[in-house]
Amino acid sequence: MSDQPIPTTRDRIINAANHLFYGEGIRAVSVDAVAEKAGVTKKTLYYHFTSKDDLIAAYLTSRDQPNLALFALWFAEAPGTVADKTAAIFLHLARNARHPKWKGCGFLRTAAELANMPGHPAMAIGSAHKKKFEQWLATEYAAAGIGQPDLAARSIALLMDGVFSTMLVHRDPAYAEAAAETARLILTTMAPSVSAQGIRGNSQ
């Protein structure tokens, strides 16, 4: 007997939206298509979500913590220095990008589709997600003794979104592999030197 909880109607709708919005884009997918995928009526969908915009916001919210947790897992499981661990995130991303169903970053793609609607609730959700990623990196870098951890985190965040965009254009995961080495170089440059660590240690 499975211990997995039975999805609620709301969960089924969000899962359907996740599958369709990520795979085809938010503008290309109708509310009717989401309802059909979820196995509910359109009336039931609107009982749980007041509008398509509300559903789009719920779709992005559902991706927030799982994506952040996956980055954290890749980072934690990788051996080596903080530079090696950060490079591992990009290498995992390159592997994922080779899957035929990979369509890039759902947050960036949604932002591109809503570029003329800066006040859309999904834009705020996407911005918050990207900030959480950057802040998480800054915390890890500060703990590792990286100089200017906030700047280092912002540099890696910029590199990450650049890779997402470039791979969508070229459909070539090799760009993520190249970014792994760029990330390693950035963080190695900003890491405290062995000699500086020794000086601090002798002064204590």
C-alpha atoms as a PDB file:
ATOM      1  CA  MET A   1       0.000   0.000   0.000  1.00  0.00           C
ATOM      2  CA  SER A   2       1.456   3.376  -1.020  1.00  0.00           C
ATOM      3  CA  ASP A   3       2.154   5.988   1.639  1.00  0.00           C
ATOM      4  CA  GLN A   4       1.952   8.745  -0.947  1.00  0.00           C
ATOM      5  CA  PRO A   5      -0.842  11.233  -0.154  1.00  0.00           C
ATOM      6  CA  ILE A   6      -3.685  11.390  -2.651  1.00  0.00           C
ATOM      7  CA  PRO A   7      -3.419  14.677  -4.581  1.00  0.00           C
ATOM      8  CA  THR A   8      -6.164  17.169  -3.869  1.00  0.00           C
ATOM      9  CA  THR A   9      -8.168  18.638  -6.734  1.00  0.00           C
ATOM     10  CA  ARG A  10      -6.144  21.839  -6.394  1.00  0.00           C
ATOM     11  CA  ASP A  11      -2.895  19.852  -6.562  1.00  0.00           C
ATOM     12  CA  ARG A  12      -4.085  18.027  -9.683  1.00  0.00           C
ATOM     13  CA  ILE A  13      -4.851  21.321 -11.385  1.00  0.00           C
ATOM     14  CA  ILE A  14      -1.451  22.779 -10.455  1.00  0.00           C
ATOM     15  CA  ASN A  15       0.310  19.619 -11.639  1.00  0.00           C
ATOM     16  CA  ALA A  16      -1.525  19.822 -14.955  1.00  0.00           C
ATOM     17  CA  ALA A  17      -0.674  23.515 -15.298  1.00  0.00           C
ATOM     18  CA  ASN A  18       2.951  22.750 -14.472  1.00  0.00           C
ATOM     19  CA  HIS A  19       3.147  20.138 -17.201  1.00  0.00           C
ATOM     20  CA  LEU A  20       1.426  22.246 -19.860  1.00  0.00           C
ATOM     21  CA  PHE A  21       2.751  25.720 -19.013  1.00  0.00           C
ATOM     22  CA  TYR A  22       6.332  24.501 -18.784  1.00  0.00           C
ATOM     23  CA  GLY A  23       6.093  22.364 -21.868  1.00  0.00           C
ATOM     24  CA  GLU A  24       4.196  24.723 -24.168  1.00  0.00           C
ATOM     25  CA  GLY A  25       4.285  28.217 -22.622  1.00  0.00           C
ATOM     26  CA  ILE A  26       1.669  30.103 -20.656  1.00  0.00           C
ATOM     27  CA  ARG A  27       0.108  31.950 -23.593  1.00  0.00           C
ATOM     28  CA  ALA A  28      -0.197  28.835 -25.748  1.00  0.00           C
ATOM     29  CA  VAL A  29      -2.123  26.881 -23.099  1.00  0.00           C
ATOM     30  CA  SER A  30      -5.771  27.603 -22.404  1.00  0.00           C
ATOM     31  CA  VAL A  31      -7.626  27.162 -19.134  1.00  0.00           C
ATOM     32  CA  ASP A  32      -9.749  24.522 -20.907  1.00  0.00           C
ATOM     33  CA  ALA A  33      -6.591  22.529 -21.713  1.00  0.00           C
ATOM     34  CA  VAL A  34      -5.455  22.641 -18.086  1.00  0.00           C
ATOM     35  CA  ALA A  35      -8.882  21.538 -16.861  1.00  0.00           C
ATOM     36  CA  GLU A  36      -8.931  18.656 -19.333  1.00  0.00           C
ATOM     37  CA  LYS A  37      -5.400  17.582 -18.337  1.00  0.00           C
ATOM     38  CA  ALA A  38      -6.381  17.685 -14.649  1.00  0.00           C
ATOM     39  CA  GLY A  39      -9.585  15.742 -15.288  1.00  0.00           C
ATOM     40  CA  VAL A  40     -11.848  18.458 -13.896  1.00  0.00           C
ATOM     41  CA  THR A  41     -14.457  20.800 -15.312  1.00  0.00           C
ATOM     42  CA  LYS A  42     -13.654  24.400 -16.111  1.00  0.00           C
ATOM     43  CA  LYS A  43     -16.092  25.413 -13.362  1.00  0.00           C
ATOM     44  CA  THR A  44     -14.131  23.342 -10.834  1.00  0.00           C
ATOM     45  CA  LEU A  45     -10.879  24.932 -11.957  1.00  0.00           C
ATOM     46  CA  TYR A  46     -12.323  28.405 -11.454  1.00  0.00           C
ATOM     47  CA  TYR A  47     -13.567  27.368  -8.023  1.00  0.00           C
ATOM     48  CA  HIS A  48      -9.914  26.883  -6.996  1.00  0.00           C
ATOM     49  CA  PHE A  49      -8.349  29.658  -9.102  1.00  0.00           C
ATOM     50  CA  THR A  50     -10.056  32.968  -9.770  1.00  0.00           C
ATOM     51  CA  SER A  51      -8.376  33.485 -13.149  1.00  0.00           C
ATOM     52  CA  LYS A  52      -5.712  32.179 -15.495  1.00  0.00           C
ATOM     53  CA  ASP A  53      -3.344  34.757 -13.994  1.00  0.00           C
ATOM     54  CA  ASP A  54      -3.981  33.243 -10.556  1.00  0.00           C
ATOM     55  CA  LEU A  55      -3.195  29.801 -11.985  1.00  0.00           C
ATOM     56  CA  ILE A  56       0.023  31.051 -13.587  1.00  0.00           C
ATOM     57  CA  ALA A  57       1.119  32.459 -10.232  1.00  0.00           C
ATOM     58  CA  ALA A  58       0.339  29.122  -8.540  1.00  0.00           C
ATOM     59  CA  TYR A  59       2.320  27.292 -11.242  1.00  0.00           C
ATOM     60  CA  LEU A  60       5.457  29.318 -10.521  1.00  0.00           C
ATOM     61  CA  THR A  61       4.974  29.085  -6.764  1.00  0.00           C
ATOM     62  CA  SER A  62       4.880  25.294  -7.092  1.00  0.00           C
ATOM     63  CA  ARG A  63       8.296  25.343  -8.790  1.00  0.00           C
ATOM     64  CA  ASP A  64       9.976  27.644  -6.260  1.00  0.00           C
ATOM     65  CA  GLN A  65      11.019  25.394  -3.362  1.00  0.00           C
ATOM     66  CA  PRO A  66      11.628  22.204  -5.419  1.00  0.00           C
ATOM     67  CA  ASN A  67      14.029  24.063  -7.714  1.00  0.00           C
ATOM     68  CA  LEU A  68      15.894  25.705  -4.829  1.00  0.00           C
ATOM     69  CA  ALA A  69      16.089  22.378  -2.987  1.00  0.00           C
ATOM     70  CA  LEU A  70      17.533  20.686  -6.077  1.00  0.00           C
ATOM     71  CA  PHE A  71      20.275  23.321  -6.431  1.00  0.00           C
ATOM     72  CA  ALA A  72      21.081  22.935  -2.720  1.00  0.00           C
ATOM     73  CA  LEU A  73      21.243  19.138  -3.086  1.00  0.00           C
ATOM     74  CA  TRP A  74      23.614  19.316  -6.055  1.00  0.00           C
ATOM     75  CA  PHE A  75      25.788  21.763  -4.126  1.00  0.00           C
ATOM     76  CA  ALA A  76      25.821  19.701  -0.913  1.00  0.00           C
ATOM     77  CA  GLU A  77      26.555  16.373  -2.591  1.00  0.00           C
ATOM     78  CA  ALA A  78      29.453  17.641  -4.699  1.00  0.00           C
ATOM     79  CA  PRO A  79      32.942  17.039  -3.291  1.00  0.00           C
ATOM     80  CA  GLY A  80      35.657  19.654  -3.083  1.00  0.00           C
ATOM     81  CA  THR A  81      35.756  23.374  -2.475  1.00  0.00           C
ATOM     82  CA  VAL A  82      32.892  25.837  -2.686  1.00  0.00           C
ATOM     83  CA  ALA A  83      34.082  26.566  -6.236  1.00  0.00           C
ATOM     84  CA  ASP A  84      33.832  22.864  -7.111  1.00  0.00           C
ATOM     85  CA  LYS A  85      30.382  22.651  -5.537  1.00  0.00           C
ATOM     86  CA  THR A  86      29.136  25.639  -7.514  1.00  0.00           C
ATOM     87  CA  ALA A  87      30.576  24.219 -10.727  1.00  0.00           C
ATOM     88  CA  ALA A  88      28.665  21.014  -9.993  1.00  0.00           C
ATOM     89  CA  ILE A  89      25.361  22.903 -10.188  1.00  0.00           C
ATOM     90  CA  PHE A  90      26.166  23.923 -13.767  1.00  0.00           C
ATOM     91  CA  LEU A  91      27.311  20.405 -14.679  1.00  0.00           C
ATOM     92  CA  HIS A  92      24.052  18.934 -13.370  1.00  0.00           C
ATOM     93  CA  LEU A  93      22.175  21.573 -15.332  1.00  0.00           C
ATOM     94  CA  ALA A  94      24.036  20.520 -18.484  1.00  0.00           C
ATOM     95  CA  ARG A  95      22.953  16.917 -17.919  1.00  0.00           C
ATOM     96  CA  ASN A  96      19.331  17.938 -17.365  1.00  0.00           C
ATOM     97  CA  ALA A  97      19.387  20.064 -20.510  1.00  0.00           C
ATOM     98  CA  ARG A  98      20.137  16.970 -22.566  1.00  0.00           C
ATOM     99  CA  HIS A  99      16.715  15.542 -21.672  1.00  0.00           C
ATOM    100  CA  PRO A 100      14.241  16.005 -24.551  1.00  0.00           C
ATOM    101  CA  LYS A 101      11.601  17.482 -22.209  1.00  0.00           C
ATOM    102  CA  TRP A 102      13.939  20.174 -20.843  1.00  0.00           C
ATOM    103  CA  LYS A 103      12.645  23.613 -21.823  1.00  0.00           C
ATOM    104  CA  GLY A 104      14.881  25.925 -19.801  1.00  0.00           C
ATOM    105  CA  CYS A 105      14.026  27.971 -16.735  1.00  0.00           C
ATOM    106  CA  GLY A 106      10.264  28.234 -16.233  1.00  0.00           C
ATOM    107  CA  PHE A 107      10.698  31.490 -14.325  1.00  0.00           C
ATOM    108  CA  LEU A 108      12.656  33.197 -17.119  1.00  0.00           C
ATOM    109  CA  ARG A 109      10.368  31.897 -19.841  1.00  0.00           C
ATOM    110  CA  THR A 110       7.301  33.144 -17.970  1.00  0.00           C
ATOM    111  CA  ALA A 111       8.946  36.527 -17.398  1.00  0.00           C
ATOM    112  CA  ALA A 112       9.650  36.781 -21.130  1.00  0.00           C
ATOM    113  CA  GLU A 113       6.014  36.036 -21.967  1.00  0.00           C
ATOM    114  CA  LEU A 114       4.846  38.636 -19.438  1.00  0.00           C
ATOM    115  CA  ALA A 115       7.416  41.283 -20.343  1.00  0.00           C
ATOM    116  CA  ASN A 116       4.640  43.784 -21.155  1.00  0.00           C
ATOM    117  CA  MET A 117       2.913  43.073 -17.813  1.00  0.00           C
ATOM    118  CA  PRO A 118       5.422  44.016 -15.084  1.00  0.00           C
ATOM    119  CA  GLY A 119       2.664  44.136 -12.464  1.00  0.00           C
ATOM    120  CA  HIS A 120       1.587  40.533 -13.038  1.00  0.00           C
ATOM    121  CA  PRO A 121       1.777  38.516  -9.772  1.00  0.00           C
ATOM    122  CA  ALA A 122       3.920  35.884 -11.484  1.00  0.00           C
ATOM    123  CA  MET A 123       6.627  38.497 -12.096  1.00  0.00           C
ATOM    124  CA  ALA A 124       6.951  39.111  -8.357  1.00  0.00           C
ATOM    125  CA  ILE A 125       7.091  35.371  -7.701  1.00  0.00           C
ATOM    126  CA  GLY A 126       9.833  34.923 -10.291  1.00  0.00           C
ATOM    127  CA  SER A 127      11.824  37.833  -8.879  1.00  0.00           C
ATOM    128  CA  ALA A 128      11.541  36.441  -5.344  1.00  0.00           C
ATOM    129  CA  HIS A 129      12.717  33.016  -6.539  1.00  0.00           C
ATOM    130  CA  LYS A 130      15.801  34.456  -8.205  1.00  0.00           C
ATOM    131  CA  LYS A 131      16.582  36.536  -5.095  1.00  0.00           C
ATOM    132  CA  LYS A 132      16.302  33.446  -2.874  1.00  0.00           C
ATOM    133  CA  PHE A 133      18.805  31.617  -5.065  1.00  0.00           C
ATOM    134  CA  GLU A 134      21.219  34.538  -4.903  1.00  0.00           C
ATOM    135  CA  GLN A 135      20.819  34.935  -1.134  1.00  0.00           C
ATOM    136  CA  TRP A 136      21.356  31.220  -0.584  1.00  0.00           C
ATOM    137  CA  LEU A 137      24.598  31.387  -2.562  1.00  0.00           C
ATOM    138  CA  ALA A 138      25.736  34.432  -0.587  1.00  0.00           C
ATOM    139  CA  THR A 139      25.155  32.564   2.682  1.00  0.00           C
ATOM    140  CA  GLU A 140      27.162  29.565   1.463  1.00  0.00           C
ATOM    141  CA  TYR A 141      29.970  31.781   0.204  1.00  0.00           C
ATOM    142  CA  ALA A 142      30.164  33.774   3.411  1.00  0.00           C
ATOM    143  CA  ALA A 143      30.417  30.541   5.405  1.00  0.00           C
ATOM    144  CA  ALA A 144      33.227  29.366   3.109  1.00  0.00           C
ATOM    145  CA  GLY A 145      35.185  32.600   3.576  1.00  0.00           C
ATOM    146  CA  ILE A 146      34.726  33.902   0.039  1.00  0.00           C
ATOM    147  CA  GLY A 147      35.639  37.565  -0.200  1.00  0.00           C
ATOM    148  CA  GLN A 148      32.620  39.776  -1.002  1.00  0.00           C
ATOM    149  CA  PRO A 149      30.114  36.901  -0.839  1.00  0.00           C
ATOM    150  CA  ASP A 150      27.217  39.073  -2.028  1.00  0.00           C
ATOM    151  CA  LEU A 151      29.131  40.097  -5.140  1.00  0.00           C
ATOM    152  CA  ALA A 152      30.212  36.505  -5.745  1.00  0.00           C
ATOM    153  CA  ALA A 153      26.619  35.300  -5.428  1.00  0.00           C
ATOM    154  CA  ARG A 154      25.350  37.954  -7.814  1.00  0.00           C
ATOM    155  CA  SER A 155      28.058  37.039 -10.343  1.00  0.00           C
ATOM    156  CA  ILE A 156      27.031  33.377 -10.238  1.00  0.00           C
ATOM    157  CA  ALA A 157      23.335  34.256 -10.438  1.00  0.00           C
ATOM    158  CA  LEU A 158      24.017  36.329 -13.547  1.00  0.00           C
ATOM    159  CA  LEU A 159      26.041  33.469 -15.017  1.00  0.00           C
ATOM    160  CA  MET A 160      23.227  31.022 -14.270  1.00  0.00           C
ATOM    161  CA  ASP A 161      20.528  33.062 -15.997  1.00  0.00           C
ATOM    162  CA  GLY A 162      22.873  33.729 -18.894  1.00  0.00           C
ATOM    163  CA  VAL A 163      23.367  29.996 -19.313  1.00  0.00           C
ATOM    164  CA  PHE A 164      19.622  29.318 -19.203  1.00  0.00           C
ATOM    165  CA  SER A 165      19.045  31.887 -21.938  1.00  0.00           C
ATOM    166  CA  THR A 166      21.975  30.817 -24.110  1.00  0.00           C
ATOM    167  CA  MET A 167      21.043  27.148 -23.991  1.00  0.00           C
ATOM    168  CA  LEU A 168      17.513  27.983 -25.087  1.00  0.00           C
ATOM    169  CA  VAL A 169      18.924  29.814 -28.105  1.00  0.00           C
ATOM    170  CA  HIS A 170      21.540  27.245 -29.099  1.00  0.00           C
ATOM    171  CA  ARG A 171      20.093  24.059 -27.569  1.00  0.00           C
ATOM    172  CA  ASP A 172      23.649  23.148 -26.587  1.00  0.00           C
ATOM    173  CA  PRO A 173      24.393  21.971 -23.002  1.00  0.00           C
ATOM    174  CA  ALA A 174      28.090  22.598 -23.626  1.00  0.00           C
ATOM    175  CA  TYR A 175      27.430  26.212 -22.640  1.00  0.00           C
ATOM    176  CA  ALA A 176      26.516  25.063 -19.123  1.00  0.00           C
ATOM    177  CA  GLU A 177      29.710  22.999 -18.987  1.00  0.00           C
ATOM    178  CA  ALA A 178      31.713  26.074 -19.985  1.00  0.00           C
ATOM    179  CA  ALA A 179      29.866  28.088 -17.338  1.00  0.00           C
ATOM    180  CA  ALA A 180      30.922  25.519 -14.717  1.00  0.00           C
ATOM    181  CA  GLU A 181      34.548  26.400 -15.395  1.00  0.00           C
ATOM    182  CA  THR A 182      33.745  30.120 -15.409  1.00  0.00           C
ATOM    183  CA  ALA A 183      32.049  29.779 -12.018  1.00  0.00           C
ATOM    184  CA  ARG A 184      35.040  27.869 -10.693  1.00  0.00           C
ATOM    185  CA  LEU A 185      37.378  30.620 -11.895  1.00  0.00           C
ATOM    186  CA  ILE A 186      35.256  33.409 -10.372  1.00  0.00           C
ATOM    187  CA  LEU A 187      35.093  31.762  -6.968  1.00  0.00           C
ATOM    188  CA  THR A 188      38.716  30.619  -6.935  1.00  0.00           C
ATOM    189  CA  THR A 189      39.743  34.209  -7.629  1.00  0.00           C
ATOM    190  CA  MET A 190      37.562  35.499  -4.800  1.00  0.00           C
ATOM    191  CA  ALA A 191      38.523  32.800  -2.285  1.00  0.00           C
ATOM    192  CA  PRO A 192      41.017  33.716   0.475  1.00  0.00           C
ATOM    193  CA  SER A 193      44.560  32.728  -0.490  1.00  0.00           C
ATOM    194  CA  VAL A 194      46.492  30.104   1.440  1.00  0.00           C
ATOM    195  CA  SER A 195      49.125  32.662   2.397  1.00  0.00           C
ATOM    196  CA  ALA A 196      46.491  35.085   3.705  1.00  0.00           C
ATOM    197  CA  GLN A 197      44.932  32.304   5.749  1.00  0.00           C
ATOM    198  CA  GLY A 198      48.337  31.509   7.169  1.00  0.00           C
ATOM    199  CA  ILE A 199      48.958  35.130   8.139  1.00  0.00           C
ATOM    200  CA  ARG A 200      45.623  35.330   9.920  1.00  0.00           C
ATOM    201  CA  GLY A 201      46.312  32.050  11.660  1.00  0.00           C
ATOM    202  CA  ASN A 202      49.744  33.217  12.919  1.00  0.00           C
ATOM    203  CA  SER A 203      48.318  36.460  14.262  1.00  0.00           C
ATOM    204  CA  GLN A 204      45.799  34.731  16.500  1.00  0.00           C
END
